[in-house]
Amino acid sequence: MELIAAVEGSTAAIGYGLAAIGPGIGVGLVFAAYIQSTARQPESSRMTLPYVWIGFAVIEALALLGIAFGFVFG
C-alpha cells in the first residue's frame, strides 16, 4: 500500500488548533449577549460590563490551559 500523506512533528498543535474553536465561539457568544442586552437596556451597560470581562477571562483561561496541556502531554 502506498503512503499518500504523512503527519510529521507534534500533533499537539493540530489538537490545540481544533480545541481553540470552542473558546472562540464562547467569546463571541459572551460579547454578542452583552451587545444585545445593551441594545435592549442601554442604562444597564455599566452594570453588566464586569460580568462580560469575567466571562471573557474564564473562557480565555480554559484556552490557555488547553495549550499548556498540549505542550505537557504532547
N, C-alpha and C. Protein backbone atom coordinates (compact mmCIF):
# COMPACT_ATOMS: atom_id res chain seq x y z
N MET A 1 0.85 -1.18 0.00
CA MET A 1 0.00 0.00 0.00
C MET A 1 0.89 1.24 0.00
N GLU A 2 0.51 2.21 -0.76
CA GLU A 2 1.29 3.42 -0.93
C GLU A 2 0.88 4.47 0.10
N LEU A 3 1.87 5.11 0.70
CA LEU A 3 1.61 6.17 1.68
C LEU A 3 1.43 7.49 0.94
N ILE A 4 0.24 8.08 1.08
CA ILE A 4 -0.06 9.31 0.35
C ILE A 4 0.42 10.54 1.11
N ALA A 5 0.12 10.60 2.39
CA ALA A 5 0.50 11.77 3.19
C ALA A 5 0.94 11.29 4.56
N ALA A 6 1.90 11.98 5.12
CA ALA A 6 2.39 11.65 6.44
C ALA A 6 2.33 12.89 7.33
N VAL A 7 1.99 12.67 8.59
CA VAL A 7 1.96 13.75 9.56
C VAL A 7 3.28 13.71 10.31
N GLU A 8 4.03 14.79 10.20
CA GLU A 8 5.31 14.85 10.89
C GLU A 8 5.26 15.95 11.93
N GLY A 9 5.99 15.76 13.01
CA GLY A 9 6.03 16.76 14.06
C GLY A 9 5.02 16.45 15.16
N SER A 10 4.70 17.46 15.90
CA SER A 10 3.80 17.30 17.04
C SER A 10 2.36 17.43 16.60
N THR A 11 1.56 16.46 16.96
CA THR A 11 0.14 16.55 16.67
C THR A 11 -0.59 17.39 17.72
N ALA A 12 0.12 17.83 18.75
CA ALA A 12 -0.49 18.69 19.76
C ALA A 12 -0.91 20.02 19.17
N ALA A 13 -0.18 20.51 18.19
CA ALA A 13 -0.54 21.77 17.55
C ALA A 13 -1.85 21.63 16.79
N ILE A 14 -2.05 20.50 16.15
CA ILE A 14 -3.31 20.26 15.45
C ILE A 14 -4.45 20.15 16.47
N GLY A 15 -4.21 19.45 17.56
CA GLY A 15 -5.23 19.31 18.60
C GLY A 15 -5.60 20.63 19.23
N TYR A 16 -4.61 21.47 19.48
CA TYR A 16 -4.93 22.77 20.07
C TYR A 16 -5.64 23.66 19.06
N GLY A 17 -5.26 23.58 17.81
CA GLY A 17 -5.95 24.35 16.79
C GLY A 17 -7.43 24.00 16.72
N LEU A 18 -7.74 22.72 16.84
CA LEU A 18 -9.14 22.30 16.87
C LEU A 18 -9.81 22.70 18.18
N ALA A 19 -9.07 22.65 19.28
CA ALA A 19 -9.64 22.99 20.58
C ALA A 19 -9.85 24.50 20.73
N ALA A 20 -9.18 25.31 19.94
CA ALA A 20 -9.33 26.76 20.03
C ALA A 20 -10.65 27.23 19.42
N ILE A 21 -11.32 26.36 18.71
CA ILE A 21 -12.61 26.72 18.13
C ILE A 21 -13.64 26.98 19.23
N GLY A 22 -13.62 26.16 20.26
CA GLY A 22 -14.58 26.30 21.37
C GLY A 22 -14.48 27.65 22.08
N PRO A 23 -13.30 28.04 22.56
CA PRO A 23 -13.19 29.36 23.19
C PRO A 23 -13.50 30.51 22.24
N GLY A 24 -13.19 30.35 20.96
CA GLY A 24 -13.52 31.39 20.00
C GLY A 24 -15.02 31.60 19.89
N ILE A 25 -15.76 30.51 19.86
CA ILE A 25 -17.22 30.59 19.82
C ILE A 25 -17.74 31.15 21.14
N GLY A 26 -17.15 30.72 22.25
CA GLY A 26 -17.59 31.18 23.56
C GLY A 26 -17.42 32.68 23.75
N VAL A 27 -16.28 33.21 23.32
CA VAL A 27 -16.04 34.65 23.43
C VAL A 27 -17.03 35.40 22.56
N GLY A 28 -17.29 34.88 21.38
CA GLY A 28 -18.27 35.51 20.51
C GLY A 28 -19.66 35.54 21.12
N LEU A 29 -20.04 34.46 21.78
CA LEU A 29 -21.35 34.41 22.42
C LEU A 29 -21.45 35.37 23.60
N VAL A 30 -20.38 35.49 24.37
CA VAL A 30 -20.39 36.40 25.52
C VAL A 30 -20.57 37.84 25.07
N PHE A 31 -19.79 38.25 24.09
CA PHE A 31 -19.89 39.64 23.64
C PHE A 31 -21.17 39.89 22.85
N ALA A 32 -21.67 38.89 22.15
CA ALA A 32 -22.95 39.05 21.45
C ALA A 32 -24.08 39.24 22.45
N ALA A 33 -24.04 38.49 23.55
CA ALA A 33 -25.07 38.65 24.57
C ALA A 33 -24.98 40.02 25.23
N TYR A 34 -23.77 40.51 25.44
CA TYR A 34 -23.61 41.84 26.03
C TYR A 34 -24.13 42.93 25.09
N ILE A 35 -23.81 42.82 23.83
CA ILE A 35 -24.28 43.82 22.87
C ILE A 35 -25.80 43.79 22.78
N GLN A 36 -26.38 42.61 22.79
CA GLN A 36 -27.83 42.51 22.72
C GLN A 36 -28.50 43.08 23.98
N SER A 37 -27.92 42.77 25.14
CA SER A 37 -28.52 43.29 26.37
C SER A 37 -28.36 44.81 26.47
N THR A 38 -27.25 45.34 25.98
CA THR A 38 -27.05 46.78 25.99
C THR A 38 -27.99 47.47 24.99
N ALA A 39 -28.26 46.81 23.88
CA ALA A 39 -29.19 47.39 22.91
C ALA A 39 -30.61 47.43 23.46
N ARG A 40 -30.94 46.43 24.28
CA ARG A 40 -32.29 46.40 24.85
C ARG A 40 -32.45 47.39 26.00
N GLN A 41 -31.43 47.46 26.86
CA GLN A 41 -31.48 48.37 28.02
C GLN A 41 -30.14 49.08 28.14
N PRO A 42 -29.99 50.21 27.48
CA PRO A 42 -28.68 50.90 27.50
C PRO A 42 -28.25 51.35 28.89
N GLU A 43 -29.20 51.60 29.77
CA GLU A 43 -28.82 52.07 31.11
C GLU A 43 -28.16 50.98 31.96
N SER A 44 -28.26 49.73 31.55
CA SER A 44 -27.66 48.64 32.33
C SER A 44 -26.27 48.26 31.83
N SER A 45 -25.71 49.02 30.89
CA SER A 45 -24.43 48.62 30.31
C SER A 45 -23.30 48.65 31.33
N ARG A 46 -23.29 49.66 32.19
CA ARG A 46 -22.23 49.75 33.22
C ARG A 46 -22.36 48.64 34.25
N MET A 47 -23.57 48.16 34.46
CA MET A 47 -23.79 47.14 35.47
C MET A 47 -23.40 45.74 34.95
N THR A 48 -23.56 45.51 33.67
CA THR A 48 -23.28 44.18 33.12
C THR A 48 -21.86 44.04 32.56
N LEU A 49 -21.14 45.13 32.38
CA LEU A 49 -19.79 45.06 31.80
C LEU A 49 -18.81 44.23 32.63
N PRO A 50 -18.80 44.30 33.97
CA PRO A 50 -17.87 43.44 34.71
C PRO A 50 -18.12 41.94 34.50
N TYR A 51 -19.37 41.57 34.30
CA TYR A 51 -19.67 40.16 34.04
C TYR A 51 -19.15 39.72 32.68
N VAL A 52 -19.12 40.64 31.74
CA VAL A 52 -18.57 40.33 30.42
C VAL A 52 -17.09 40.01 30.54
N TRP A 53 -16.37 40.84 31.29
CA TRP A 53 -14.93 40.62 31.43
C TRP A 53 -14.62 39.37 32.24
N ILE A 54 -15.44 39.05 33.22
CA ILE A 54 -15.24 37.82 33.98
C ILE A 54 -15.46 36.61 33.08
N GLY A 55 -16.52 36.64 32.29
CA GLY A 55 -16.78 35.54 31.35
C GLY A 55 -15.67 35.40 30.33
N PHE A 56 -15.19 36.53 29.81
CA PHE A 56 -14.10 36.51 28.85
C PHE A 56 -12.84 35.90 29.47
N ALA A 57 -12.54 36.28 30.71
CA ALA A 57 -11.33 35.78 31.38
C ALA A 57 -11.42 34.28 31.63
N VAL A 58 -12.58 33.80 32.03
CA VAL A 58 -12.74 32.37 32.29
C VAL A 58 -12.59 31.57 31.00
N ILE A 59 -13.18 32.05 29.92
CA ILE A 59 -13.09 31.35 28.65
C ILE A 59 -11.65 31.33 28.15
N GLU A 60 -10.96 32.45 28.25
CA GLU A 60 -9.58 32.50 27.79
C GLU A 60 -8.66 31.68 28.69
N ALA A 61 -8.97 31.59 29.97
CA ALA A 61 -8.17 30.73 30.86
C ALA A 61 -8.28 29.27 30.43
N LEU A 62 -9.46 28.86 30.02
CA LEU A 62 -9.61 27.49 29.54
C LEU A 62 -8.82 27.27 28.25
N ALA A 63 -8.77 28.27 27.39
CA ALA A 63 -7.97 28.16 26.17
C ALA A 63 -6.48 28.05 26.50
N LEU A 64 -6.03 28.84 27.46
CA LEU A 64 -4.61 28.78 27.85
C LEU A 64 -4.27 27.45 28.52
N LEU A 65 -5.20 26.90 29.28
CA LEU A 65 -4.98 25.57 29.84
C LEU A 65 -4.88 24.53 28.74
N GLY A 66 -5.67 24.69 27.70
CA GLY A 66 -5.61 23.76 26.58
C GLY A 66 -4.26 23.77 25.90
N ILE A 67 -3.69 24.95 25.69
CA ILE A 67 -2.38 25.00 25.04
C ILE A 67 -1.29 24.49 25.98
N ALA A 68 -1.43 24.75 27.27
CA ALA A 68 -0.43 24.24 28.23
C ALA A 68 -0.46 22.72 28.29
N PHE A 69 -1.64 22.14 28.33
CA PHE A 69 -1.74 20.67 28.36
C PHE A 69 -1.26 20.06 27.05
N GLY A 70 -1.44 20.80 25.95
CA GLY A 70 -0.92 20.32 24.68
C GLY A 70 0.60 20.20 24.69
N PHE A 71 1.26 21.14 25.32
CA PHE A 71 2.72 21.09 25.41
C PHE A 71 3.19 20.05 26.43
N VAL A 72 2.45 19.91 27.52
CA VAL A 72 2.86 18.97 28.56
C VAL A 72 2.66 17.52 28.12
N PHE A 73 1.51 17.22 27.58
CA PHE A 73 1.19 15.83 27.23
C PHE A 73 1.46 15.49 25.78
N GLY A 74 1.87 16.47 24.97
CA GLY A 74 2.07 16.21 23.53
C GLY A 74 3.44 15.75 23.19
